[in-house]
């Protein structure tokens, strides 16, 4: 049964194909020649089949081979490294080679870069356009930024994140710090990454949905990397009545399950509410209301049990 080896293990045909047809890839990784790019020429342009507003640019690279030392130069008639690798291919490598070749529009000596349509128009990347080495490196950096931007959008679609959380997530995926910084700036400029708005939504959800107090909410926001100014602004907009109702609701729910005498029960309930982040004033008020309500209920229950008028007396008797 055929098992694809396109995952990158070993020195398969697909790796050799990439080195042969994409010259700038030869300048990275193990055994790289590190040949500097002198210039590049746009050979073709095609829309990306799966990514809207994205285009693939086919570039012909001119590299500087003068930096090769004598011991790296190939002798006449000596098989090249690629030819040696090809001679050792098995049938799995050949199948991978066919798949790889079918997916790439670049021929030998050419490479592909994926750019956004804004970059395409702004750079006037028409067929025949010549790029300097600096322009080529800038385009490569733009490609990485575009890929990081697409990845960031996917992360934000799955769940809301702070700037700090998104930055760490992108760096874990291997994007360079400058690429991550540019991606974050772009998202912030389009109001798709806003720590202030995140802090306000987070505060409201934690206060009403999870019955947490402002002190615990403040701590959680700071742990997520939100700036202190944004945190204090969000906490300041928290409705005090909402916080009081949350504390009272939580106190009423926990009070029946707390063991001990009246004093011990109050102390335990206060400690629990303080751990939930409620201010001391809100905690005292909630505990007093719950304790008083419990006493009233007990008195009412005792009164009902000893009611002399509830003895089943009948007027007819």
Protein backbone atom coordinates (compact mmCIF):
# COMPACT_ATOMS: atom_id res chain seq x y z
CA UNK A 1 0.00 0.00 0.00
CA UNK A 2 1.34 3.43 -0.93
CA UNK A 3 2.14 5.76 1.95
CA UNK A 4 2.95 9.34 1.05
CA UNK A 5 6.21 10.78 2.34
CA UNK A 6 5.34 14.39 1.62
CA UNK A 7 5.37 15.22 5.32
CA UNK A 8 9.01 16.26 5.03
CA UNK A 9 10.84 13.21 6.49
CA UNK A 10 13.96 12.10 4.73
CA UNK A 11 15.49 13.48 1.57
CA UNK A 12 12.70 12.40 -0.79
CA UNK A 13 12.05 13.38 -4.36
CA UNK A 14 9.69 16.18 -3.32
CA UNK A 15 12.47 17.91 -1.36
CA UNK A 16 14.84 17.58 -4.30
CA UNK A 17 12.13 18.88 -6.60
CA UNK A 18 11.64 21.94 -4.44
CA UNK A 19 15.37 22.65 -4.42
CA UNK A 20 15.52 22.24 -8.18
CA UNK A 21 12.50 24.30 -9.15
CA UNK A 22 12.58 26.89 -6.36
CA UNK A 23 16.09 28.36 -6.27
CA UNK A 24 15.61 30.52 -3.17
CA UNK A 25 14.70 27.42 -1.14
CA UNK A 26 18.21 26.11 -1.79
CA UNK A 27 19.45 28.98 0.35
CA UNK A 28 17.82 27.62 3.50
CA UNK A 29 17.94 24.43 5.49
CA UNK A 30 20.56 21.72 5.77
CA UNK A 31 23.15 21.72 3.04
CA UNK A 32 22.10 25.18 1.86
CA UNK A 33 24.28 27.01 -0.62
CA UNK A 34 23.24 30.43 0.71
CA UNK A 35 23.51 32.10 -2.65
CA UNK A 36 22.49 35.76 -2.53
CA UNK A 37 19.72 36.86 -4.87
CA UNK A 38 20.80 39.57 -7.29
CA UNK A 39 17.43 40.24 -8.91
CA UNK A 40 14.09 38.70 -9.79
CA UNK A 41 11.74 38.97 -12.76
CA UNK A 42 7.97 38.46 -12.74
CA UNK A 43 7.25 35.62 -15.16
CA UNK A 44 3.54 35.16 -14.50
CA UNK A 45 0.60 35.93 -12.25
CA UNK A 46 -2.31 33.71 -11.25
CA UNK A 47 -5.15 34.03 -8.76
CA UNK A 48 -4.92 31.71 -5.78
CA UNK A 49 -7.41 28.82 -6.20
CA UNK A 50 -8.33 28.63 -2.50
CA UNK A 51 -7.63 32.05 -1.00
CA UNK A 52 -9.77 34.98 -2.16
CA UNK A 53 -8.00 38.28 -2.88
CA UNK A 54 -4.66 36.42 -3.00
CA UNK A 55 -2.38 35.97 -6.02
CA UNK A 56 0.60 33.75 -6.77
CA UNK A 57 3.54 35.48 -8.42
CA UNK A 58 5.93 33.36 -10.47
CA UNK A 59 9.45 34.81 -10.20
CA UNK A 60 12.66 34.03 -12.07
CA UNK A 61 15.59 34.45 -9.67
CA UNK A 62 19.10 35.50 -10.60
CA UNK A 63 21.56 34.41 -7.92
CA UNK A 64 25.21 35.27 -7.32
CA UNK A 65 27.32 32.13 -7.74
CA UNK A 66 30.66 33.90 -7.31
CA UNK A 67 30.60 33.19 -3.58
CA UNK A 68 31.00 29.43 -4.15
CA UNK A 69 34.37 28.17 -2.95
CA UNK A 70 36.50 25.86 -5.08
CA UNK A 71 35.79 22.73 -3.05
CA UNK A 72 32.06 23.20 -3.58
CA UNK A 73 32.34 23.53 -7.34
CA UNK A 74 31.40 20.44 -9.30
CA UNK A 75 33.95 18.68 -11.46
CA UNK A 76 33.01 17.89 -15.08
CA UNK A 77 31.26 14.57 -15.33
CA UNK A 78 30.69 14.36 -11.56
CA UNK A 79 27.04 13.69 -10.64
CA UNK A 80 25.41 16.54 -8.81
CA UNK A 81 23.88 16.09 -5.36
CA UNK A 82 20.40 16.19 -6.91
CA UNK A 83 21.32 13.59 -9.51
CA UNK A 84 22.69 11.31 -6.81
CA UNK A 85 19.51 11.71 -4.81
CA UNK A 86 17.37 10.98 -7.87
CA UNK A 87 19.31 7.78 -8.53
CA UNK A 88 18.32 6.46 -5.14
CA UNK A 89 14.61 7.17 -5.39
CA UNK A 90 12.09 4.49 -4.68
CA UNK A 91 8.61 4.35 -6.17
CA UNK A 92 7.06 6.28 -3.25
CA UNK A 93 9.33 9.23 -3.97
CA UNK A 94 8.36 9.14 -7.63
CA UNK A 95 4.65 9.30 -6.80
CA UNK A 96 5.29 12.23 -4.44
CA UNK A 97 7.23 13.94 -7.22
CA UNK A 98 4.30 13.69 -9.60
CA UNK A 99 1.94 15.17 -6.99
CA UNK A 100 4.32 18.00 -6.19
CA UNK A 101 4.90 18.80 -9.85
CA UNK A 102 1.19 18.90 -10.56
CA UNK A 103 0.61 21.42 -7.78
CA UNK A 104 3.28 23.91 -8.77
CA UNK A 105 3.20 26.28 -11.70
CA UNK A 106 6.87 27.18 -11.35
CA UNK A 107 9.36 25.54 -13.66
CA UNK A 108 13.07 25.06 -13.09
CA UNK A 109 14.76 28.22 -11.87
CA UNK A 110 11.48 29.83 -10.84
CA UNK A 111 9.78 30.32 -7.50
CA UNK A 112 6.33 31.25 -6.22
CA UNK A 113 5.33 34.01 -3.84
CA UNK A 114 1.78 34.51 -2.57
CA UNK A 115 0.74 38.14 -2.13
CA UNK A 116 -2.46 40.05 -1.39
CA UNK A 117 -4.17 41.95 -4.19
CA UNK A 118 -3.28 45.24 -2.47
CA UNK A 119 0.40 44.31 -2.74
CA UNK A 120 -0.09 43.23 -6.34
CA UNK A 121 -1.59 46.60 -7.29
CA UNK A 122 0.65 48.72 -5.09
CA UNK A 123 3.83 47.14 -6.44
CA UNK A 124 2.54 47.02 -10.05
CA UNK A 125 3.60 43.38 -10.32
CA UNK A 126 3.01 42.97 -14.04
CA UNK A 127 4.64 40.32 -16.18
CA UNK A 128 8.19 41.38 -17.01
CA UNK A 129 8.55 43.58 -13.92
CA UNK A 130 12.12 43.38 -12.58
CA UNK A 131 12.77 43.46 -8.85
CA UNK A 132 15.95 44.32 -7.01
CA UNK A 133 17.29 42.06 -4.28
CA UNK A 134 15.89 44.41 -1.65
CA UNK A 135 12.45 44.42 -3.29
CA UNK A 136 12.47 40.63 -3.49
CA UNK A 137 13.29 40.30 0.22
CA UNK A 138 10.54 42.79 1.03
CA UNK A 139 8.04 40.75 -0.98
CA UNK A 140 9.07 37.59 0.87
CA UNK A 141 8.51 39.39 4.17
CA UNK A 142 5.10 40.56 2.94
CA UNK A 143 4.22 36.96 2.07
CA UNK A 144 5.01 35.89 5.62
CA UNK A 145 2.96 38.77 7.01
CA UNK A 146 0.00 37.80 4.85
CA UNK A 147 0.22 34.21 5.98
CA UNK A 148 0.44 35.30 9.62
CA UNK A 149 -2.57 37.59 9.11
CA UNK A 150 -4.62 34.73 7.68
CA UNK A 151 -3.62 32.51 10.61
CA UNK A 152 -4.52 35.25 13.10
CA UNK A 153 -7.98 35.67 11.56
CA UNK A 154 -8.60 31.97 11.97
CA UNK A 155 -7.60 32.16 15.63
CA UNK A 156 -9.89 35.13 16.27
CA UNK A 157 -12.79 33.37 14.58
CA UNK A 158 -12.48 30.48 17.02
CA UNK A 159 -12.36 32.67 20.12
CA UNK A 160 -11.66 36.23 21.20
CA UNK A 161 -8.07 36.94 22.22
CA UNK A 162 -6.08 39.80 23.66
CA UNK A 163 -3.13 41.29 21.77
CA UNK A 164 -0.71 39.53 24.09
CA UNK A 165 -2.43 36.14 23.72
CA UNK A 166 -2.51 36.39 19.91
CA UNK A 167 1.13 37.47 19.80
CA UNK A 168 2.24 34.46 21.82
CA UNK A 169 0.13 32.11 19.70
CA UNK A 170 1.64 33.40 16.44
CA UNK A 171 5.20 33.17 17.77
CA UNK A 172 4.57 29.58 18.84
CA UNK A 173 3.73 28.85 15.19
CA UNK A 174 7.17 30.08 14.17
CA UNK A 175 6.47 33.57 12.81
CA UNK A 176 9.25 36.10 13.26
CA UNK A 177 8.73 38.87 15.85
CA UNK A 178 8.67 41.61 13.19
CA UNK A 179 6.09 39.65 11.17
CA UNK A 180 3.91 39.21 14.26
CA UNK A 181 4.21 42.91 15.10
CA UNK A 182 3.09 43.93 11.60
CA UNK A 183 0.17 41.50 11.73
CA UNK A 184 -1.02 42.87 15.09
CA UNK A 185 -0.79 46.46 13.87
CA UNK A 186 -2.89 45.59 10.84
CA UNK A 187 -5.56 43.91 12.96
CA UNK A 188 -5.64 46.82 15.39
CA UNK A 189 -5.94 49.34 12.57
CA UNK A 190 -9.02 47.47 11.31
CA UNK A 191 -10.50 47.27 14.84
CA UNK A 192 -10.37 43.48 14.71
CA UNK A 193 -8.05 43.37 17.72
CA UNK A 194 -9.10 45.72 20.51
CA UNK A 195 -8.02 45.08 24.09
CA UNK A 196 -10.31 47.81 25.44
CA UNK A 197 -13.43 46.28 23.90
CA UNK A 198 -12.26 42.80 24.90
CA UNK A 199 -11.87 43.90 28.53
CA UNK A 200 -15.38 45.34 28.66
CA UNK A 201 -17.01 42.24 27.18
CA UNK A 202 -14.95 39.99 29.43
CA UNK A 203 -15.90 41.97 32.54
CA UNK A 204 -19.62 41.88 31.78
CA UNK A 205 -19.58 38.17 30.97
CA UNK A 206 -17.63 37.21 34.10
CA UNK A 207 -19.80 39.35 36.37
CA UNK A 208 -23.17 38.13 35.09
CA UNK A 209 -22.42 34.68 33.69
CA UNK A 210 -19.88 33.35 36.18
CA UNK A 211 -20.79 35.42 39.27
CA UNK A 212 -17.31 36.85 39.77
CA UNK A 213 -16.35 40.09 41.50
CA UNK A 214 -14.32 42.95 40.13
CA UNK A 215 -11.12 42.03 41.98
CA UNK A 216 -10.95 38.56 40.46
CA UNK A 217 -11.95 39.90 37.03
CA UNK A 218 -9.17 42.48 37.23
CA UNK A 219 -6.63 39.76 38.02
CA UNK A 220 -7.77 37.57 35.13
CA UNK A 221 -7.58 40.45 32.64
CA UNK A 222 -4.05 41.33 33.73
CA UNK A 223 -3.03 37.69 33.38
CA UNK A 224 -4.30 37.79 29.79
CA UNK A 225 -2.00 40.69 29.03
CA UNK A 226 -4.54 43.52 28.91
CA UNK A 227 -3.04 46.89 29.80
CA UNK A 228 -3.83 48.26 33.25
CA UNK A 229 -5.48 51.36 31.81
CA UNK A 230 -7.91 49.27 29.73
CA UNK A 231 -8.55 47.01 32.71
CA UNK A 232 -9.41 49.87 35.06
CA UNK A 233 -11.67 51.44 32.45
CA UNK A 234 -13.61 48.20 32.03
CA UNK A 235 -13.85 47.61 35.78
CA UNK A 236 -14.99 51.19 36.30
CA UNK A 237 -17.92 50.66 33.92
CA UNK A 238 -19.11 47.56 35.80
CA UNK A 239 -22.58 48.18 37.23
CA UNK A 240 -22.40 48.00 41.03
CA UNK A 241 -25.95 46.68 41.24
CA UNK A 242 -25.06 43.80 38.93
CA UNK A 243 -22.15 42.91 41.20
CA UNK A 244 -24.34 43.07 44.32
CA UNK A 245 -26.99 40.87 42.72
CA UNK A 246 -24.35 38.34 41.66
CA UNK A 247 -22.90 38.18 45.17
CA UNK A 248 -26.36 37.80 46.74
CA UNK A 249 -27.38 35.10 44.27
CA UNK A 250 -24.18 33.15 44.97
CA UNK A 251 -24.57 33.58 48.74
CA UNK A 252 -28.14 32.26 48.70
CA UNK A 253 -27.03 29.27 46.65
CA UNK A 254 -24.15 28.34 48.96
CA UNK A 255 -25.69 29.15 52.37
CA UNK A 256 -27.78 25.98 52.81
CA UNK A 257 -24.73 23.75 52.24
CA UNK A 258 -22.44 25.48 54.75
CA UNK A 259 -22.05 23.61 58.04
CA UNK A 260 -21.49 24.98 61.53
CA UNK A 261 -23.10 27.45 63.89
CA UNK A 262 -24.36 30.81 62.71
CA UNK A 263 -21.02 32.58 63.27
CA UNK A 264 -18.99 29.89 61.50
CA UNK A 265 -21.37 29.79 58.57
CA UNK A 266 -21.10 33.55 58.09
CA UNK A 267 -17.30 33.44 58.20
CA UNK A 268 -17.13 30.63 55.68
CA UNK A 269 -19.56 32.38 53.34
CA UNK A 270 -17.62 35.66 53.57
CA UNK A 271 -14.35 33.88 52.79
CA UNK A 272 -15.89 32.23 49.72
CA UNK A 273 -17.29 35.50 48.37
CA UNK A 274 -13.98 37.28 48.93
CA UNK A 275 -12.19 34.55 46.95
CA UNK A 276 -14.64 35.19 44.12
CA UNK A 277 -13.33 38.74 43.96
CA UNK A 278 -16.23 40.71 45.48
CA UNK A 279 -15.39 43.85 47.49
CA UNK A 280 -15.68 43.56 51.27
CA UNK A 281 -18.67 45.91 51.42
CA UNK A 282 -20.60 43.86 48.88
CA UNK A 283 -19.66 40.66 50.73
CA UNK A 284 -20.87 41.91 54.14
CA UNK A 285 -24.16 43.09 52.67
CA UNK A 286 -24.80 39.77 50.92
CA UNK A 287 -23.96 37.69 54.01
CA UNK A 288 -26.16 39.81 56.28
CA UNK A 289 -29.12 39.55 53.92
CA UNK A 290 -28.81 35.79 53.55
CA UNK A 291 -28.36 35.22 57.29
CA UNK A 292 -31.30 37.47 58.17
CA UNK A 293 -33.49 35.79 55.58
CA UNK A 294 -32.56 32.41 57.02
CA UNK A 295 -33.51 33.49 60.56
CA UNK A 296 -36.84 34.84 59.36
CA UNK A 297 -37.57 31.57 57.59
CA UNK A 298 -36.74 29.58 60.72
CA UNK A 299 -38.96 31.77 62.90
CA UNK A 300 -41.80 31.49 60.43
CA UNK A 301 -41.39 27.72 60.36
CA UNK A 302 -41.46 27.51 64.17
CA UNK A 303 -44.52 29.75 64.30
CA UNK A 304 -46.38 27.56 61.80
CA UNK A 305 -45.58 24.41 63.79
CA UNK A 306 -46.96 25.90 67.06
CA UNK A 307 -49.96 27.76 65.65
CA UNK A 308 -52.88 27.07 68.03
CA UNK A 309 -55.38 28.01 65.36
CA UNK A 310 -54.06 25.29 63.06
CA UNK A 311 -55.24 22.33 65.13
CA UNK A 312 -57.88 20.98 62.82
CA UNK A 313 -60.67 22.59 64.91
CA UNK A 314 -64.04 22.51 63.19
CA UNK A 315 -66.90 24.97 63.82
CA UNK A 316 -69.37 22.15 63.56
CA UNK A 317 -67.76 20.40 66.53
